[in-house]
Amino acid sequence: MMPDPLRVETQQCHTGDRDMNDREPPVINAAIVAYNRPQSLCTLIASLVGQSYPVNRIIIVDNSTNNEVKDAIGILKVPDKITYIKMAENVGSACGFHHAIKEAY
């Protein structure tokens, strides 16, 4: 007999002795590399904070040439979640993400 291609087989996941709801929630850290554009950064942070699953930390690496990003972060209402790293010079996005991930973990 040929298998029915439209039939979907379901399998149960074995979770051991624990219920799936007994697991600790994962830690979510967001890494952002900023270069000027404080309005876009504020929109992004508001989106992260407004998600249905909470973000534990937001690490911002500031490559900016001025203090606009730092000033924008200062007026946000989530300072306890934000780790701010100001780079002495623009190190680029890859190096910025490296610093953010190093800080996160």
Protein backbone atom coordinates (compact mmCIF):
# COMPACT_ATOMS: atom_id res chain seq x y z
CA MET A 1 0.00 0.00 0.00
CA MET A 2 1.35 3.44 -0.97
CA PRO A 3 1.66 6.06 1.76
CA ASP A 4 -0.70 9.01 1.54
CA PRO A 5 1.47 12.09 0.73
CA LEU A 6 -1.06 14.42 2.36
CA ARG A 7 -1.14 12.58 5.66
CA VAL A 8 0.95 14.21 8.35
CA GLU A 9 2.49 12.00 10.97
CA THR A 10 2.77 13.51 14.41
CA GLN A 11 5.34 12.54 16.95
CA GLN A 12 5.38 13.31 20.61
CA CYS A 13 8.47 14.93 22.02
CA HIS A 14 9.97 13.23 25.02
CA THR A 15 10.66 15.82 27.70
CA GLY A 16 11.81 13.51 30.45
CA ASP A 17 10.14 13.84 33.80
CA ARG A 18 9.51 17.56 33.43
CA ASP A 19 6.62 19.31 31.84
CA MET A 20 7.52 21.75 29.03
CA ASN A 21 6.19 24.60 31.20
CA ASP A 22 8.61 23.76 34.02
CA ARG A 23 11.65 24.89 32.06
CA GLU A 24 13.36 28.14 32.94
CA PRO A 25 12.74 30.85 30.35
CA PRO A 26 15.66 31.57 28.05
CA VAL A 27 17.72 34.70 28.52
CA ILE A 28 17.24 37.11 25.62
CA ASN A 29 19.90 39.76 25.03
CA ALA A 30 19.68 42.18 22.12
CA ALA A 31 22.85 43.60 20.57
CA ILE A 32 22.61 46.93 18.75
CA VAL A 33 25.39 48.78 16.98
CA ALA A 34 24.43 52.43 16.64
CA TYR A 35 25.86 55.13 14.41
CA ASN A 36 24.02 58.42 14.90
CA ARG A 37 20.26 58.13 13.98
CA PRO A 38 18.89 58.35 17.55
CA GLN A 39 15.25 58.34 16.37
CA SER A 40 15.68 54.96 14.68
CA LEU A 41 17.41 53.64 17.79
CA CYS A 42 14.53 54.76 20.02
CA THR A 43 12.03 53.06 17.69
CA LEU A 44 14.06 49.86 17.79
CA ILE A 45 14.35 49.89 21.58
CA ALA A 46 10.61 50.52 21.95
CA SER A 47 9.97 47.54 19.68
CA LEU A 48 12.28 45.31 21.71
CA VAL A 49 10.73 46.34 25.02
CA GLY A 50 7.19 45.96 23.63
CA GLN A 51 7.59 42.34 22.52
CA SER A 52 5.40 39.69 24.08
CA TYR A 53 8.49 37.80 25.25
CA PRO A 54 10.68 39.96 27.51
CA VAL A 55 14.18 41.05 26.61
CA ASN A 56 16.57 40.75 29.56
CA ARG A 57 19.24 43.18 28.35
CA ILE A 58 19.82 45.55 25.48
CA ILE A 59 23.50 46.11 24.73
CA ILE A 60 24.16 49.21 22.66
CA VAL A 61 27.57 49.82 21.12
CA ASP A 62 27.76 53.46 20.08
CA ASN A 63 29.96 54.17 17.05
CA SER A 64 28.56 57.68 16.72
CA THR A 65 30.56 60.81 16.13
CA ASN A 66 28.45 62.81 18.60
CA ASN A 67 26.42 62.31 21.81
CA GLU A 68 22.95 62.07 20.21
CA VAL A 69 22.67 58.31 20.82
CA LYS A 70 23.74 58.64 24.47
CA ASP A 71 21.30 61.52 24.98
CA ALA A 72 18.45 59.54 23.39
CA ILE A 73 19.13 56.54 25.63
CA GLY A 74 19.09 58.83 28.66
CA ILE A 75 15.46 59.83 28.10
CA LEU A 76 14.16 56.27 27.64
CA LYS A 77 12.24 54.62 30.46
CA VAL A 78 14.20 51.34 30.39
CA PRO A 79 17.66 52.31 31.70
CA ASP A 80 17.96 49.19 33.88
CA LYS A 81 17.83 46.98 30.78
CA ILE A 82 20.37 48.96 28.76
CA THR A 83 24.12 48.51 28.78
CA TYR A 84 25.76 51.37 26.90
CA ILE A 85 29.26 51.09 25.39
CA LYS A 86 30.74 54.18 23.73
CA MET A 87 33.54 53.42 21.30
CA ALA A 88 36.41 55.91 21.04
CA GLU A 89 36.15 55.72 17.26
CA ASN A 90 33.89 54.13 14.66
CA VAL A 91 35.00 50.49 14.71
CA GLY A 92 32.39 49.32 12.20
CA SER A 93 29.45 47.00 12.62
CA ALA A 94 31.29 43.67 12.86
CA CYS A 95 33.66 44.87 15.56
CA GLY A 96 30.74 46.61 17.29
CA PHE A 97 28.76 43.36 17.40
CA HIS A 98 31.85 41.59 18.70
CA HIS A 99 31.99 44.01 21.64
CA ALA A 100 28.25 43.64 22.28
CA ILE A 101 28.34 39.83 22.27
CA LYS A 102 31.42 39.86 24.51
CA GLU A 103 29.51 42.06 26.96
CA ALA A 104 26.38 39.91 26.77
CA TYR A 105 28.12 36.63 27.51
